[in-house]
Amino acid sequence: MKQVSVVILNWNGRKLLEQFLPSVIRHTPDSIADVVVADNGSTDDSVKWTMQQYPQIKIIRLKENLGYAGGYNKALELIDTPYAVLLNSDVEVAEGWLSPLIDFCQDNPEVGACQPKIKSYRNRSFFEYAGASGGFIDKYGYPYCRGRIFSTVEQDNGQYNNTADIFWASGACLLIRTKLFHEVGGFDSLFFAHMEEIDLCWRILLTGKRICVIPQSEVFHLGSATLTEANPQKTFLNFRNNLLMLYKNLPKKDGRPLLFKRRLLDTAAFFKFLLTGKIQNAFAVIRAHNDFRKQKSRYRQQPATNILNNFKEASRNITVDYFIRKQKYFKS
């Protein structure tokens, strides 16, 4: 039995598969890993092309586009390897990328999930926005990374080459124990896309498992291949999902005051979008809060433990640090 399934979720992505799949095939040893394309109800010829070009790849066909969260949930129901790598279709992997991740998890059974160092495909000496060298959240739930805070992305000069415990691993390239994925309930399908990996990692941490970044493994991510940063739907999902994540994963005594403060901060974000002419994004923030109030009743139980207290990085106010104190880099 092989150790790992490298699962690539595809939706009408033939061009991305043509561009990035060759590196995955070339640098993923078939002695330990299967490469799987899980198709999210594509209407293009990407599945046909994949089968013709790479007949050794396993194909999982889903009837409709279930989003990142729902698509991976369905795909991993059909995976029986001990580990699964959730790999975006716009990621180029480097030689030897897989072994450091597998070896670290095998040597450290208390580690539930991990990620490699994620660098920019377009500018390969820089980190990539979505994950960089490991993720954290601040005291108000805003995510940031070793190597990326808000829109400032650092050049990789080896400053984050140490293996480290992190709060969340990027969904662009996430290795997880398959059994653990199912035990914590997989991705929250309501999220559809964006922040679902942070929510998943939060629930993994609540089980007592660790999450780590293994910079000895390196991949290159194109990024924003589905929704651009300026897309109002992405703004809606990011704001709405972040609120849901805080509500469901914090004890009520901690969550309620935090969510009140978030309403104030998100109001400031609304006016910033408005003043910079991003009208649709501004109203996406309002839609996010309205939908959060509608959807939060789905979550009837909150944990008794606030694991943010275990991370000194979660005591920071990234907004103040970045915009007022001008601390643009993680090390500062």
Protein backbone atom coordinates (compact mmCIF):
# COMPACT_ATOMS: atom_id res chain seq x y z
CA MET A 1 0.00 0.00 0.00
CA LYS A 2 1.28 3.45 -0.88
CA GLN A 3 1.79 6.08 1.80
CA VAL A 4 0.23 9.16 0.27
CA SER A 5 -2.28 10.39 -2.30
CA VAL A 6 -1.47 13.73 -3.91
CA VAL A 7 -4.95 15.06 -4.68
CA ILE A 8 -5.36 17.91 -7.14
CA LEU A 9 -8.80 19.50 -7.31
CA ASN A 10 -9.71 20.60 -10.82
CA TRP A 11 -12.50 22.74 -12.22
CA ASN A 12 -12.27 23.65 -15.92
CA GLY A 13 -8.53 23.87 -15.46
CA ARG A 14 -6.97 22.22 -18.49
CA LYS A 15 -4.49 25.08 -18.99
CA LEU A 16 -3.35 24.85 -15.39
CA LEU A 17 -3.03 21.08 -15.60
CA GLU A 18 -0.99 21.40 -18.79
CA GLN A 19 1.31 23.88 -17.09
CA PHE A 20 1.73 22.41 -13.61
CA LEU A 21 0.93 18.70 -13.72
CA PRO A 22 4.23 17.73 -15.43
CA SER A 23 6.27 18.85 -12.39
CA VAL A 24 4.01 16.88 -10.05
CA ILE A 25 4.41 13.72 -12.14
CA ARG A 26 8.16 14.23 -12.53
CA HIS A 27 8.95 14.91 -8.87
CA THR A 28 6.44 12.67 -7.09
CA PRO A 29 7.88 9.15 -6.63
CA ASP A 30 5.26 6.62 -7.68
CA SER A 31 6.77 4.10 -5.28
CA ILE A 32 5.19 5.94 -2.34
CA ALA A 33 2.49 8.14 -3.85
CA ASP A 34 -0.49 8.16 -6.16
CA VAL A 35 -1.36 11.32 -8.06
CA VAL A 36 -5.12 11.87 -8.13
CA VAL A 37 -7.12 14.48 -10.04
CA ALA A 38 -10.49 15.14 -8.40
CA ASP A 39 -12.68 16.85 -10.96
CA ASN A 40 -15.25 19.30 -9.60
CA GLY A 41 -17.85 18.90 -12.34
CA SER A 42 -15.78 20.46 -15.13
CA THR A 43 -17.41 21.29 -18.45
CA ASP A 44 -14.17 21.62 -20.40
CA ASP A 45 -12.03 18.74 -21.69
CA SER A 46 -9.56 18.75 -18.80
CA VAL A 47 -10.45 15.24 -17.63
CA LYS A 48 -10.21 13.80 -21.13
CA TRP A 49 -6.87 15.52 -21.68
CA THR A 50 -5.50 14.24 -18.34
CA MET A 51 -6.53 10.67 -19.10
CA GLN A 52 -4.90 10.82 -22.52
CA GLN A 53 -1.66 12.44 -21.37
CA TYR A 54 -1.25 10.69 -18.01
CA PRO A 55 -3.15 7.39 -18.00
CA GLN A 56 -1.46 6.43 -14.70
CA ILE A 57 -3.27 9.22 -12.85
CA LYS A 58 -6.35 8.29 -10.88
CA ILE A 59 -9.45 10.32 -11.70
CA ILE A 60 -12.27 11.08 -9.27
CA ARG A 61 -15.33 12.55 -10.99
CA LEU A 62 -17.70 14.76 -9.01
CA LYS A 63 -21.05 15.65 -10.55
CA GLU A 64 -20.96 19.37 -9.76
CA ASN A 65 -18.67 22.13 -8.54
CA LEU A 66 -18.69 21.68 -4.77
CA GLY A 67 -16.03 24.31 -4.19
CA TYR A 68 -12.67 23.71 -2.58
CA ALA A 69 -14.15 22.49 0.70
CA GLY A 70 -16.89 20.21 -0.61
CA GLY A 71 -14.76 18.91 -3.47
CA TYR A 72 -11.96 17.76 -1.21
CA ASN A 73 -14.41 16.31 1.31
CA LYS A 74 -15.90 14.07 -1.37
CA ALA A 75 -12.54 13.19 -2.89
CA LEU A 76 -10.95 12.17 0.41
CA GLU A 77 -13.85 9.84 1.13
CA LEU A 78 -12.34 7.72 -1.66
CA ILE A 79 -8.72 7.93 -0.45
CA ASP A 80 -7.32 5.05 1.61
CA THR A 81 -3.65 6.04 1.97
CA PRO A 82 -2.42 7.09 5.44
CA TYR A 83 -1.58 10.59 4.18
CA ALA A 84 -3.17 12.95 1.69
CA VAL A 85 -1.61 16.03 0.11
CA LEU A 86 -4.14 18.64 -0.96
CA LEU A 87 -2.37 20.36 -3.83
CA ASN A 88 -3.70 23.30 -5.81
CA SER A 89 -3.74 22.85 -9.56
CA ASP A 90 -1.57 25.97 -9.96
CA VAL A 91 1.39 24.68 -7.93
CA GLU A 92 4.76 23.63 -9.34
CA VAL A 93 6.61 21.25 -7.05
CA ALA A 94 10.39 21.05 -6.75
CA GLU A 95 12.55 17.95 -6.80
CA GLY A 96 12.40 16.11 -3.49
CA TRP A 97 9.39 18.07 -2.27
CA LEU A 98 7.39 15.18 -0.81
CA SER A 99 9.86 13.18 1.31
CA PRO A 100 10.59 15.90 3.95
CA LEU A 101 6.86 16.23 4.66
CA ILE A 102 6.25 12.49 4.96
CA ASP A 103 9.43 11.84 6.94
CA PHE A 104 8.66 14.58 9.46
CA CYS A 105 5.16 13.29 10.11
CA GLN A 106 6.38 9.73 10.48
CA ASP A 107 9.04 10.82 12.96
CA ASN A 108 6.56 13.00 14.87
CA PRO A 109 3.25 11.17 15.35
CA GLU A 110 1.82 14.12 17.30
CA VAL A 111 1.92 16.23 14.11
CA GLY A 112 -1.44 16.15 12.34
CA ALA A 113 -0.67 18.28 9.29
CA CYS A 114 2.12 20.26 7.71
CA GLN A 115 3.02 22.43 4.74
CA PRO A 116 6.17 23.14 2.72
CA LYS A 117 7.70 26.53 2.11
CA ILE A 118 5.46 28.15 -0.50
CA LYS A 119 7.11 30.58 -2.89
CA SER A 120 5.87 32.69 -5.77
CA TYR A 121 5.76 31.08 -9.19
CA ARG A 122 5.97 34.49 -10.86
CA ASN A 123 8.81 35.84 -8.70
CA ARG A 124 10.61 32.80 -7.42
CA SER A 125 12.87 34.53 -4.91
CA PHE A 126 9.83 35.76 -2.96
CA PHE A 127 7.32 33.98 -0.77
CA GLU A 128 3.80 33.48 -2.06
CA TYR A 129 0.87 35.26 -0.45
CA ALA A 130 -1.17 32.16 0.40
CA GLY A 131 0.88 30.40 3.05
CA ALA A 132 4.50 31.58 2.68
CA SER A 133 6.44 29.77 5.44
CA GLY A 134 3.54 29.00 7.76
CA GLY A 135 0.42 30.78 8.98
CA PHE A 136 -0.88 32.40 12.17
CA ILE A 137 -3.83 34.58 13.16
CA ASP A 138 -3.77 37.68 15.34
CA LYS A 139 -5.97 38.53 18.35
CA TYR A 140 -8.84 39.58 16.07
CA GLY A 141 -8.66 36.58 13.75
CA TYR A 142 -6.79 38.20 10.85
CA PRO A 143 -4.44 35.72 9.17
CA TYR A 144 -0.79 36.39 8.40
CA CYS A 145 2.31 34.35 7.65
CA ARG A 146 6.00 33.99 8.22
CA GLY A 147 6.92 35.92 5.11
CA ARG A 148 3.64 37.75 4.42
CA ILE A 149 1.66 40.31 6.39
CA PHE A 150 -1.30 41.90 4.59
CA SER A 151 -0.01 42.78 1.10
CA THR A 152 3.69 42.85 2.02
CA VAL A 153 5.41 39.71 0.81
CA GLU A 154 9.04 39.16 1.81
CA GLN A 155 11.93 37.94 -0.27
CA ASP A 156 13.12 34.53 0.82
CA ASN A 157 16.65 34.93 2.17
CA GLY A 158 16.52 31.85 4.36
CA GLN A 159 15.12 33.80 7.31
CA TYR A 160 12.32 31.27 7.83
CA ASN A 161 14.15 28.04 7.04
CA ASN A 162 13.56 26.54 10.47
CA THR A 163 10.91 23.91 11.03
CA ALA A 164 8.28 25.50 13.28
CA ASP A 165 4.91 24.98 14.89
CA ILE A 166 2.29 27.14 13.19
CA PHE A 167 -1.40 27.85 13.63
CA TRP A 168 -2.46 27.00 10.10
CA ALA A 169 -1.04 25.34 7.02
CA SER A 170 -1.93 26.60 3.57
CA GLY A 171 -4.52 24.80 1.49
CA ALA A 172 -2.31 25.43 -1.54
CA CYS A 173 -0.18 22.49 -0.40
CA LEU A 174 -1.35 20.75 2.76
CA LEU A 175 -0.27 17.30 3.93
CA ILE A 176 -2.63 15.75 6.46
CA ARG A 177 -3.19 12.38 8.06
CA THR A 178 -6.22 11.05 6.18
CA LYS A 179 -7.81 9.47 9.25
CA LEU A 180 -7.46 12.72 11.18
CA PHE A 181 -9.07 14.67 8.33
CA HIS A 182 -12.18 12.53 8.71
CA GLU A 183 -12.09 12.50 12.52
CA VAL A 184 -12.31 16.31 12.72
CA GLY A 185 -15.06 16.42 10.10
CA GLY A 186 -13.05 17.48 7.07
CA PHE A 187 -13.55 20.93 5.63
CA ASP A 188 -16.62 22.95 6.53
CA SER A 189 -18.50 22.78 3.23
CA LEU A 190 -20.42 25.97 4.06
CA PHE A 191 -17.17 27.87 3.59
CA PHE A 192 -17.07 26.77 -0.11
CA ALA A 193 -13.65 28.42 -0.53
CA HIS A 194 -11.25 30.67 1.43
CA MET A 195 -10.22 30.21 5.09
CA GLU A 196 -11.48 26.64 5.14
CA GLU A 197 -7.95 25.38 5.77
CA ILE A 198 -7.52 27.73 8.77
CA ASP A 199 -10.79 26.45 10.23
CA LEU A 200 -9.66 22.85 9.63
CA CYS A 201 -6.30 23.48 11.27
CA TRP A 202 -8.00 25.11 14.27
CA ARG A 203 -10.04 21.95 14.80
CA ILE A 204 -6.91 19.80 14.44
CA LEU A 205 -5.19 21.86 17.14
CA LEU A 206 -8.21 21.40 19.40
CA THR A 207 -7.54 17.63 19.30
CA GLY A 208 -4.07 18.22 20.73
CA LYS A 209 -2.20 17.61 17.48
CA ARG A 210 0.50 19.95 16.15
CA ILE A 211 0.72 21.68 12.78
CA CYS A 212 4.12 22.47 11.33
CA VAL A 213 5.92 24.06 8.41
CA ILE A 214 8.75 22.06 6.85
CA PRO A 215 10.83 24.52 4.79
CA GLN A 216 13.12 21.75 3.54
CA SER A 217 10.25 21.08 1.14
CA GLU A 218 9.59 23.80 -1.43
CA VAL A 219 6.82 24.48 -3.96
CA PHE A 220 5.91 27.41 -6.21
CA HIS A 221 2.34 28.73 -6.28
CA LEU A 222 0.84 30.82 -9.06
CA GLY A 223 -1.96 32.12 -6.82
CA SER A 224 -5.31 33.83 -7.54
CA ALA A 225 -6.00 31.37 -10.33
CA THR A 226 -9.73 31.27 -9.48
CA LEU A 227 -10.64 34.62 -7.88
CA THR A 228 -8.39 37.68 -7.91
CA GLU A 229 -7.69 39.68 -4.75
CA ALA A 230 -10.03 42.47 -5.92
CA ASN A 231 -12.99 40.17 -6.61
CA PRO A 232 -16.02 41.11 -4.42
CA GLN A 233 -16.98 37.44 -4.05
CA LYS A 234 -13.55 36.73 -2.59
CA THR A 235 -14.02 39.66 -0.19
CA PHE A 236 -17.41 38.26 0.84
CA LEU A 237 -16.05 34.74 1.44
CA ASN A 238 -12.99 35.94 3.34
CA PHE A 239 -14.97 38.18 5.71
CA ARG A 240 -17.94 35.82 6.16
CA ASN A 241 -15.82 32.70 6.65
CA ASN A 242 -13.50 34.44 9.08
CA LEU A 243 -16.45 35.42 11.27
CA LEU A 244 -17.88 31.90 11.17
CA MET A 245 -14.48 30.45 12.03
CA LEU A 246 -14.15 32.63 15.12
CA TYR A 247 -17.72 31.94 16.22
CA LYS A 248 -17.46 28.15 15.99
CA ASN A 249 -13.92 27.62 17.34
CA LEU A 250 -13.78 29.99 20.33
CA PRO A 251 -15.48 29.50 23.70
CA LYS A 252 -18.56 31.72 23.94
CA LYS A 253 -17.02 33.85 26.69
CA ASP A 254 -14.13 34.72 24.36
CA GLY A 255 -15.98 34.72 21.07
CA ARG A 256 -18.73 37.21 21.86
CA PRO A 257 -16.52 40.18 22.84
CA LEU A 258 -14.13 39.40 19.98
CA LEU A 259 -16.92 39.39 17.40
CA PHE A 260 -18.17 42.73 18.70
CA LYS A 261 -14.71 44.21 18.15
CA ARG A 262 -14.61 42.63 14.71
CA ARG A 263 -17.80 44.43 13.75
CA LEU A 264 -16.05 47.71 14.52
CA LEU A 265 -12.92 46.75 12.59
CA ASP A 266 -14.89 45.46 9.62
CA THR A 267 -16.87 48.71 9.60
CA ALA A 268 -13.54 50.48 9.16
CA ALA A 269 -12.73 48.10 6.30
CA PHE A 270 -16.10 48.94 4.73
CA PHE A 271 -15.30 52.65 4.72
CA LYS A 272 -11.79 52.02 3.41
CA PHE A 273 -13.22 50.12 0.44
CA LEU A 274 -15.76 52.90 -0.06
CA LEU A 275 -13.18 55.71 0.03
CA THR A 276 -10.90 53.89 -2.42
CA GLY A 277 -13.71 53.44 -4.94
CA LYS A 278 -14.18 49.69 -4.37
CA ILE A 279 -17.92 49.95 -3.98
CA GLN A 280 -18.75 46.30 -4.63
CA ASN A 281 -16.11 45.15 -2.15
CA ALA A 282 -17.53 47.52 0.47
CA PHE A 283 -20.98 46.03 0.12
CA ALA A 284 -19.47 42.54 0.12
CA VAL A 285 -18.42 43.25 3.72
CA ILE A 286 -22.04 44.06 4.61
CA ARG A 287 -23.24 40.90 2.84
CA ALA A 288 -20.66 38.91 4.78
CA HIS A 289 -21.94 40.13 8.14
CA ASN A 290 -25.56 39.61 7.14
CA ASP A 291 -24.88 36.05 6.02
CA PHE A 292 -22.82 35.35 9.12
CA ARG A 293 -25.81 36.25 11.32
CA LYS A 294 -27.96 33.96 9.20
CA GLN A 295 -25.58 30.99 9.18
CA LYS A 296 -24.12 31.02 12.69
CA SER A 297 -27.12 29.11 14.10
CA ARG A 298 -25.72 26.01 12.37
CA TYR A 299 -23.02 25.86 15.01
CA ARG A 300 -24.59 24.95 18.32
CA GLN A 301 -21.49 23.90 20.25
CA GLN A 302 -18.31 25.81 20.94
CA PRO A 303 -15.14 24.38 22.51
CA ALA A 304 -14.26 24.92 26.14
CA THR A 305 -10.64 25.77 25.34
CA ASN A 306 -9.24 28.90 23.70
CA ILE A 307 -6.14 27.55 21.98
CA LEU A 308 -5.19 31.03 20.81
CA ASN A 309 -3.70 31.38 24.28
CA ASN A 310 -1.09 28.78 23.29
CA PHE A 311 0.33 30.99 20.51
CA LYS A 312 2.17 34.20 21.36
CA GLU A 313 1.61 35.28 17.73
CA ALA A 314 -2.14 35.39 18.46
CA SER A 315 -1.62 38.17 21.00
CA ARG A 316 -0.60 40.65 18.30
CA ASN A 317 -2.78 43.28 16.71
CA ILE A 318 -1.57 42.97 13.15
CA THR A 319 -3.54 45.99 11.97
CA VAL A 320 -1.85 48.29 14.48
CA ASP A 321 1.56 46.67 14.02
CA TYR A 322 1.39 47.00 10.24
CA PHE A 323 -0.36 50.31 9.59
CA ILE A 324 0.63 52.35 12.66
CA ARG A 325 3.89 50.86 13.94
CA LYS A 326 5.01 50.14 10.36
CA GLN A 327 6.14 46.62 11.22
CA LYS A 328 5.87 45.06 7.78
CA TYR A 329 7.77 41.82 8.39
CA PHE A 330 7.10 38.81 10.57
CA LYS A 331 10.49 38.95 12.33
CA SER A 332 9.86 42.55 13.41
